């Protein structure tokens, strides 16, 4: 049985009994957190006021990174088991939480920018060889999302350069590269999209015929142009459209784009993503479409964070100074803004393959019935769908 203790309210001096247990500061371990700001400039007897802001800002980043990893791991676990409606809602909630955290991180750069380049110069020399490259948690976030090692900019491909002396960090990184990433898991999930079966609803076959019809209309319209220039321009547009669609209808072309890193999903997963996007107004596809939207938001916000960081670095040290960790600084960071760092680049490009609502193949009554079943609890035999 706990013993009551006397507690004096600092606000009004009132004394009352309190059950023994953890206080606010004890629960949050504030004694450790609030004493974790080591100002090197102060130790050098040349205190720089803005070093404190620099430390606090980056510590806040790392705390939010930890929460993102916590949410990412839980989402991957939920995706890895059979999805039910309640689990889909939980995935949506946690992905949305990651999106909101990333929005905070994007805006947080503005606080750091209240520090002037001259103020930063006062203590920048004390940082060497410390660098943002050494943020283990950010590397884990990239790996857990699905940034491919072979697509990284050369400087950052070898983790041993940055973390080589930290065996625990290297082990965490190696594990994060071996485990299925969120991109891998979402790919497998999209491959199971109901309606892709060629012996069932055959969405892909219907979609391809719809596109061919639209291309034929475009070609006929181009030939009807009354002037040579307009006819040639219209025919050129038609040829380009044909090539764009050929890249998704020809699996070999798609696979070649995947091998070059220009696409990430398998051919079947890409089909599933297009189907979910086209039929997003159907109740069964509403939540999957929201998931794809949030995944795109995550990629977009990380790119915005990188971009804000690039601009801040250019503002603080210019375009040609080396980074404290030995990279080319601004030049290297700018190179990370390319699509090679977008994990869900396929989702960004889905709008290329949208067709008018009037051309979307209508769902059959049988297909609408099948959509009422759980996503991962379907088996298909002879074109019929039954629950397992």
Protein backbone atom coordinates (compact mmCIF):
# COMPACT_ATOMS: atom_id res chain seq x y z
CA UNK A 1 0.00 0.00 0.00
CA UNK A 2 1.46 3.35 -1.04
CA UNK A 3 2.12 5.99 1.57
CA UNK A 4 0.64 9.47 1.05
CA UNK A 5 3.14 12.29 0.69
CA UNK A 6 2.67 15.98 1.28
CA UNK A 7 2.76 18.16 -1.83
CA UNK A 8 2.71 21.95 -1.98
CA UNK A 9 1.14 23.46 -5.10
CA UNK A 10 3.64 26.07 -6.38
CA UNK A 11 0.81 28.16 -7.79
CA UNK A 12 -1.23 28.87 -4.66
CA UNK A 13 0.72 27.22 -1.85
CA UNK A 14 -2.08 24.76 -1.07
CA UNK A 15 -0.84 21.61 0.70
CA UNK A 16 -2.46 18.25 -0.11
CA UNK A 17 -1.72 14.56 0.06
CA UNK A 18 -0.55 12.77 -3.06
CA UNK A 19 -0.13 9.06 -3.68
CA UNK A 20 3.53 8.26 -4.11
CA UNK A 21 4.50 7.74 -7.74
CA UNK A 22 6.17 9.41 -10.68
CA UNK A 23 5.93 13.14 -11.14
CA UNK A 24 5.69 14.86 -14.55
CA UNK A 25 9.42 15.51 -14.73
CA UNK A 26 10.25 11.97 -13.64
CA UNK A 27 7.91 10.38 -16.17
CA UNK A 28 9.42 12.44 -19.02
CA UNK A 29 12.96 12.13 -17.63
CA UNK A 30 13.36 15.87 -18.02
CA UNK A 31 16.45 15.87 -15.85
CA UNK A 32 18.27 14.09 -18.71
CA UNK A 33 16.59 15.80 -21.65
CA UNK A 34 16.98 19.37 -20.39
CA UNK A 35 20.62 18.84 -19.44
CA UNK A 36 21.55 17.33 -22.80
CA UNK A 37 22.51 20.63 -24.46
CA UNK A 38 26.30 20.77 -24.49
CA UNK A 39 27.51 24.09 -25.90
CA UNK A 40 31.04 23.53 -27.15
CA UNK A 41 31.54 27.26 -27.66
CA UNK A 42 30.88 27.75 -23.95
CA UNK A 43 33.46 25.10 -23.07
CA UNK A 44 35.93 26.98 -25.26
CA UNK A 45 35.18 30.15 -23.24
CA UNK A 46 33.75 31.75 -26.40
CA UNK A 47 29.98 31.26 -25.89
CA UNK A 48 27.86 31.73 -29.01
CA UNK A 49 24.21 32.39 -28.27
CA UNK A 50 22.78 30.64 -31.36
CA UNK A 51 24.60 27.37 -30.74
CA UNK A 52 21.90 26.59 -28.18
CA UNK A 53 19.18 26.99 -30.83
CA UNK A 54 21.16 24.81 -33.24
CA UNK A 55 21.39 22.01 -30.67
CA UNK A 56 17.75 22.19 -29.55
CA UNK A 57 16.47 22.19 -33.14
CA UNK A 58 18.43 19.10 -34.12
CA UNK A 59 17.55 17.27 -30.93
CA UNK A 60 13.88 17.99 -31.67
CA UNK A 61 14.41 16.55 -35.17
CA UNK A 62 15.85 13.37 -33.70
CA UNK A 63 12.94 12.95 -31.26
CA UNK A 64 10.45 13.29 -34.12
CA UNK A 65 12.54 10.88 -36.21
CA UNK A 66 12.19 8.37 -33.40
CA UNK A 67 8.41 8.75 -33.44
CA UNK A 68 8.31 8.36 -37.23
CA UNK A 69 10.30 5.11 -36.97
CA UNK A 70 7.91 3.91 -34.24
CA UNK A 71 4.91 4.60 -36.49
CA UNK A 72 6.59 3.16 -39.60
CA UNK A 73 7.40 -0.12 -37.86
CA UNK A 74 3.82 -0.45 -36.63
CA UNK A 75 2.38 0.28 -40.10
CA UNK A 76 4.65 -2.34 -41.66
CA UNK A 77 3.47 -4.86 -39.08
CA UNK A 78 -0.19 -4.07 -39.80
CA UNK A 79 0.35 -4.40 -43.54
CA UNK A 80 2.11 -7.74 -43.08
CA UNK A 81 -0.94 -9.42 -41.59
CA UNK A 82 -4.35 -9.94 -43.15
CA UNK A 83 -5.98 -6.57 -43.59
CA UNK A 84 -9.39 -6.01 -42.09
CA UNK A 85 -11.30 -2.75 -42.19
CA UNK A 86 -10.28 -1.84 -38.63
CA UNK A 87 -6.61 -2.38 -39.50
CA UNK A 88 -6.94 -0.24 -42.62
CA UNK A 89 -8.31 2.59 -40.50
CA UNK A 90 -5.41 2.20 -38.08
CA UNK A 91 -2.92 2.30 -40.97
CA UNK A 92 -4.58 5.50 -42.23
CA UNK A 93 -4.39 7.06 -38.77
CA UNK A 94 -0.71 6.27 -38.31
CA UNK A 95 0.31 7.30 -41.82
CA UNK A 96 -1.54 10.57 -41.32
CA UNK A 97 0.35 11.06 -38.06
CA UNK A 98 3.65 10.65 -39.95
CA UNK A 99 2.45 13.23 -42.49
CA UNK A 100 1.62 15.73 -39.74
CA UNK A 101 5.00 15.18 -38.06
CA UNK A 102 6.77 15.77 -41.36
CA UNK A 103 4.85 19.03 -41.80
CA UNK A 104 6.19 20.12 -38.41
CA UNK A 105 9.73 19.21 -39.49
CA UNK A 106 9.38 21.17 -42.74
CA UNK A 107 8.24 24.27 -40.83
CA UNK A 108 10.90 23.81 -38.15
CA UNK A 109 13.57 24.84 -40.66
CA UNK A 110 12.20 28.40 -40.47
CA UNK A 111 13.10 28.58 -36.77
CA UNK A 112 16.68 27.57 -37.52
CA UNK A 113 16.82 30.24 -40.23
CA UNK A 114 16.46 32.93 -37.58
CA UNK A 115 20.17 32.27 -37.07
CA UNK A 116 22.29 34.37 -39.42
CA UNK A 117 25.22 32.99 -41.45
CA UNK A 118 27.63 35.10 -39.38
CA UNK A 119 26.21 33.65 -36.15
CA UNK A 120 26.60 30.11 -37.54
CA UNK A 121 30.19 30.81 -38.57
CA UNK A 122 31.00 31.62 -34.95
CA UNK A 123 30.62 27.96 -33.88
CA UNK A 124 30.55 25.94 -37.13
CA UNK A 125 34.20 24.98 -36.76
CA UNK A 126 33.40 23.14 -33.53
CA UNK A 127 31.09 20.75 -35.40
CA UNK A 128 33.77 18.97 -37.46
CA UNK A 129 33.63 16.10 -38.22
CA UNK A 130 30.03 15.94 -36.97
CA UNK A 131 27.47 16.05 -39.77
CA UNK A 132 23.82 15.45 -40.51
CA UNK A 133 25.02 12.44 -42.52
CA UNK A 134 25.58 10.80 -39.14
CA UNK A 135 21.89 10.88 -38.25
CA UNK A 136 21.34 7.16 -37.85
CA UNK A 137 17.60 7.58 -37.43
CA UNK A 138 17.16 9.47 -40.71
CA UNK A 139 19.04 6.70 -42.54
CA UNK A 140 16.77 4.14 -40.89
CA UNK A 141 13.69 6.10 -41.98
CA UNK A 142 14.95 6.11 -45.57
CA UNK A 143 15.66 2.38 -45.50
CA UNK A 144 12.39 1.46 -43.80
CA UNK A 145 10.48 3.50 -46.38
CA UNK A 146 12.42 1.87 -49.23
CA UNK A 147 15.18 4.17 -50.52
CA UNK A 148 17.32 1.87 -52.64
CA UNK A 149 21.00 1.68 -51.76
CA UNK A 150 22.04 1.57 -55.42
CA UNK A 151 20.07 4.75 -56.18
CA UNK A 152 21.77 6.86 -53.53
CA UNK A 153 24.14 9.62 -54.51
CA UNK A 154 27.69 8.23 -54.49
CA UNK A 155 28.92 10.01 -51.33
CA UNK A 156 26.26 8.43 -49.19
CA UNK A 157 26.23 4.90 -50.58
CA UNK A 158 28.77 3.53 -48.11
CA UNK A 159 27.50 3.63 -44.55
CA UNK A 160 30.83 2.36 -43.25
CA UNK A 161 32.36 5.76 -44.05
CA UNK A 162 29.95 7.43 -41.64
CA UNK A 163 29.06 4.72 -39.09
CA UNK A 164 31.97 2.31 -39.46
CA UNK A 165 33.17 2.62 -35.85
CA UNK A 166 29.68 2.16 -34.42
CA UNK A 167 28.92 -1.57 -34.60
CA UNK A 168 25.42 -1.18 -33.15
CA UNK A 169 24.53 1.47 -35.74
CA UNK A 170 25.88 -0.69 -38.55
CA UNK A 171 23.80 -3.64 -37.34
CA UNK A 172 20.63 -1.54 -37.24
CA UNK A 173 21.31 -0.26 -40.76
CA UNK A 174 22.03 -3.73 -42.12
CA UNK A 175 18.82 -5.08 -40.56
CA UNK A 176 16.80 -2.18 -42.01
CA UNK A 177 18.16 -3.02 -45.47
CA UNK A 178 17.33 -6.72 -45.16
CA UNK A 179 13.81 -6.31 -43.79
CA UNK A 180 10.94 -5.70 -46.22
CA UNK A 181 10.55 -1.95 -46.60
CA UNK A 182 7.19 -0.21 -46.56
CA UNK A 183 7.51 0.08 -50.35
CA UNK A 184 8.02 -3.70 -50.63
CA UNK A 185 5.01 -4.41 -48.42
CA UNK A 186 2.74 -1.96 -50.25
CA UNK A 187 3.83 -3.52 -53.55
CA UNK A 188 2.72 -6.99 -52.36
CA UNK A 189 -0.54 -5.50 -51.08
CA UNK A 190 -1.31 -3.80 -54.41
CA UNK A 191 -0.61 -7.03 -56.29
CA UNK A 192 -3.61 -8.52 -54.44
CA UNK A 193 -6.01 -5.83 -55.63
CA UNK A 194 -9.33 -7.56 -56.33
CA UNK A 195 -10.29 -7.38 -59.98
CA UNK A 196 -6.86 -7.82 -61.54
CA UNK A 197 -7.39 -11.53 -62.28
CA UNK A 198 -7.50 -12.17 -66.03
CA UNK A 199 -10.02 -14.97 -65.47
CA UNK A 200 -12.24 -12.72 -63.35
CA UNK A 201 -13.12 -9.04 -63.79
CA UNK A 202 -9.90 -8.57 -65.81
CA UNK A 203 -9.49 -4.86 -65.09
CA UNK A 204 -6.21 -4.60 -67.01
CA UNK A 205 -7.69 -6.02 -70.18
CA UNK A 206 -10.71 -3.72 -69.95
CA UNK A 207 -8.53 -0.71 -69.17
CA UNK A 208 -6.21 -1.44 -72.09
CA UNK A 209 -9.16 -1.65 -74.50
CA UNK A 210 -10.52 1.64 -73.13
CA UNK A 211 -7.15 3.34 -73.70
CA UNK A 212 -6.91 1.92 -77.23
CA UNK A 213 -10.36 3.38 -77.94
CA UNK A 214 -9.27 6.80 -76.70
CA UNK A 215 -6.06 6.66 -78.76
CA UNK A 216 -8.04 5.71 -81.86
CA UNK A 217 -10.31 8.72 -81.29
CA UNK A 218 -7.27 10.96 -80.86
CA UNK A 219 -5.74 9.62 -84.09
CA UNK A 220 -8.95 10.13 -86.05
CA UNK A 221 -9.28 13.66 -84.67
CA UNK A 222 -5.67 14.43 -85.64
CA UNK A 223 -6.24 13.31 -89.24
CA UNK A 224 -9.22 15.65 -89.50
CA UNK A 225 -7.12 18.74 -88.78
CA UNK A 226 -7.45 21.17 -91.68
CA UNK A 227 -3.90 22.54 -91.74
CA UNK A 228 -0.67 20.58 -92.19
CA UNK A 229 1.02 22.08 -89.12
CA UNK A 230 -1.89 21.35 -86.80
CA UNK A 231 -2.25 17.84 -88.25
CA UNK A 232 1.46 17.10 -87.78
CA UNK A 233 1.43 18.47 -84.21
CA UNK A 234 -1.66 16.45 -83.33
CA UNK A 235 -0.18 13.28 -84.82
CA UNK A 236 3.04 13.90 -82.88
CA UNK A 237 1.02 14.21 -79.65
CA UNK A 238 -0.76 10.96 -80.52
CA UNK A 239 2.55 9.16 -81.10
CA UNK A 240 3.89 10.39 -77.77
CA UNK A 241 0.74 9.25 -75.97
CA UNK A 242 1.04 5.80 -77.56
CA UNK A 243 4.63 5.50 -76.31
CA UNK A 244 3.64 6.56 -72.80
CA UNK A 245 0.93 3.91 -72.60
CA UNK A 246 3.20 1.34 -74.21
CA UNK A 247 5.48 1.74 -71.18
CA UNK A 248 2.77 0.26 -68.94
CA UNK A 249 1.13 -2.20 -71.32
CA UNK A 250 4.43 -3.81 -72.32
CA UNK A 251 5.72 -5.56 -69.20
CA UNK A 252 9.27 -5.73 -70.62
CA UNK A 253 9.39 -1.95 -71.04
CA UNK A 254 8.02 -1.51 -67.51
CA UNK A 255 10.61 -3.92 -66.07
CA UNK A 256 13.39 -2.05 -67.88
CA UNK A 257 12.23 1.20 -66.26
CA UNK A 258 12.23 -0.56 -62.86
CA UNK A 259 15.79 -1.79 -63.43
CA UNK A 260 16.87 1.80 -64.13
CA UNK A 261 15.17 3.06 -60.98
CA UNK A 262 12.60 5.12 -62.90
CA UNK A 263 9.79 2.94 -61.53
CA UNK A 264 9.61 0.97 -58.30
CA UNK A 265 6.49 -1.23 -58.28
CA UNK A 266 6.16 -4.56 -60.06
CA UNK A 267 3.98 -4.57 -63.18
CA UNK A 268 1.05 -6.12 -61.32
CA UNK A 269 1.36 -3.73 -58.36
CA UNK A 270 1.38 -0.82 -60.81
CA UNK A 271 -1.86 -2.18 -62.30
CA UNK A 272 -3.35 -2.35 -58.82
CA UNK A 273 -2.38 1.26 -58.10
CA UNK A 274 -4.05 2.43 -61.32
CA UNK A 275 -7.20 0.44 -60.53
CA UNK A 276 -7.43 1.82 -56.99
CA UNK A 277 -6.99 5.34 -58.34
CA UNK A 278 -9.62 5.01 -61.07
CA UNK A 279 -12.21 3.40 -58.79
CA UNK A 280 -11.47 5.52 -55.72
CA UNK A 281 -15.14 6.62 -55.55
CA UNK A 282 -16.17 3.02 -54.90
CA UNK A 283 -16.55 2.46 -51.12
CA UNK A 284 -14.18 -0.54 -51.15
CA UNK A 285 -11.39 1.45 -52.82
CA UNK A 286 -11.82 4.65 -50.83
CA UNK A 287 -9.50 3.71 -47.94
CA UNK A 288 -6.83 2.10 -50.17
CA UNK A 289 -6.82 5.30 -52.24
CA UNK A 290 -6.38 7.36 -49.08
CA UNK A 291 -3.42 5.16 -48.16
CA UNK A 292 -1.80 5.79 -51.56
CA UNK A 293 -2.42 9.52 -51.14
CA UNK A 294 -0.74 9.56 -47.72
CA UNK A 295 2.26 7.62 -49.05
CA UNK A 296 2.62 10.26 -51.76
CA UNK A 297 2.34 12.98 -49.10
CA UNK A 298 5.15 11.37 -47.09
CA UNK A 299 7.44 11.32 -50.12
CA UNK A 300 6.47 14.87 -51.02
CA UNK A 301 7.07 16.23 -47.52
CA UNK A 302 10.46 14.54 -47.19
CA UNK A 303 11.40 16.13 -50.52
CA UNK A 304 10.20 19.52 -49.24
CA UNK A 305 12.23 19.03 -46.06
CA UNK A 306 15.31 18.21 -48.14
CA UNK A 307 14.65 21.27 -50.31
CA UNK A 308 14.28 23.61 -47.32
CA UNK A 309 17.44 22.13 -45.86
CA UNK A 310 19.31 22.68 -49.15
CA UNK A 311 18.24 26.34 -49.27
CA UNK A 312 19.22 26.85 -45.64
CA UNK A 313 22.66 25.31 -46.22
CA UNK A 314 23.23 27.51 -49.27
CA UNK A 315 22.18 30.52 -47.22
CA UNK A 316 24.47 29.61 -44.33
CA UNK A 317 27.66 28.43 -46.10
CA UNK A 318 27.12 29.25 -49.79
CA UNK A 319 27.31 26.89 -52.76
CA UNK A 320 30.97 25.89 -52.73
CA UNK A 321 32.10 25.30 -49.15
CA UNK A 322 32.53 21.67 -48.06
CA UNK A 323 30.18 20.26 -45.45
CA UNK A 324 31.49 19.60 -41.94
CA UNK A 325 31.27 15.86 -42.65
CA UNK A 326 33.45 16.08 -45.76
CA UNK A 327 30.79 16.14 -48.49
CA UNK A 328 30.48 18.84 -51.13
CA UNK A 329 27.86 20.47 -48.91
CA UNK A 330 25.21 22.32 -50.91
CA UNK A 331 26.07 20.52 -54.16
CA UNK A 332 25.62 17.09 -52.60
CA UNK A 333 22.38 18.00 -50.82
CA UNK A 334 20.91 19.46 -54.00
CA UNK A 335 21.52 16.13 -55.76
CA UNK A 336 19.29 14.34 -53.22
CA UNK A 337 16.24 16.21 -54.53
CA UNK A 338 16.00 13.96 -57.61
CA UNK A 339 13.35 11.27 -58.13
CA UNK A 340 15.89 8.59 -57.21
CA UNK A 341 15.15 9.45 -53.56
CA UNK A 342 11.36 9.27 -54.01
CA UNK A 343 10.23 5.88 -52.74
CA UNK A 344 6.71 6.07 -54.16
CA UNK A 345 7.59 7.77 -57.42
CA UNK A 346 5.08 5.50 -59.23
CA UNK A 347 2.25 7.08 -57.26
CA UNK A 348 3.34 10.56 -58.33
CA UNK A 349 3.08 9.49 -61.97
CA UNK A 350 -0.32 7.77 -61.82
CA UNK A 351 -2.05 10.88 -63.11
CA UNK A 352 -0.27 10.28 -66.45
CA UNK A 353 -2.45 7.20 -66.96
CA UNK A 354 -5.83 8.47 -65.84
CA UNK A 355 -8.68 8.30 -68.34
CA UNK A 356 -12.01 10.20 -68.39
CA UNK A 357 -14.63 8.90 -65.97
CA UNK A 358 -16.89 8.13 -68.90
CA UNK A 359 -14.26 5.73 -70.28
CA UNK A 360 -13.59 3.84 -67.03
CA UNK A 361 -14.85 0.25 -67.44
CA UNK A 362 -18.01 -0.13 -65.30
CA UNK A 363 -17.90 -2.64 -62.47
CA UNK A 364 -20.10 -5.69 -62.91
CA UNK A 365 -22.60 -6.62 -60.19
CA UNK A 366 -20.46 -9.67 -59.45
CA UNK A 367 -17.39 -7.48 -59.03
CA UNK A 368 -19.24 -5.08 -56.73
CA UNK A 369 -20.22 -8.06 -54.61
CA UNK A 370 -16.63 -9.28 -54.43
CA UNK A 371 -15.45 -5.84 -53.34
CA UNK A 372 -17.50 -6.27 -50.16
CA UNK A 373 -15.11 -9.04 -49.12
CA UNK A 374 -11.90 -8.44 -47.22
CA UNK A 375 -8.95 -7.51 -49.44
CA UNK A 376 -6.68 -10.34 -48.34
CA UNK A 377 -9.30 -13.03 -47.73
CA UNK A 378 -10.14 -13.92 -51.31
CA UNK A 379 -9.41 -16.93 -53.45
CA UNK A 380 -10.23 -17.14 -57.12
CA UNK A 381 -11.15 -20.26 -59.05
CA UNK A 382 -12.53 -20.38 -62.59
CA UNK A 383 -13.33 -16.69 -62.49
CA UNK A 384 -15.40 -16.96 -59.31
CA UNK A 385 -14.42 -15.44 -55.97
CA UNK A 386 -15.10 -17.17 -52.67
CA UNK A 387 -14.09 -16.42 -49.09
CA UNK A 388 -11.58 -18.78 -47.57
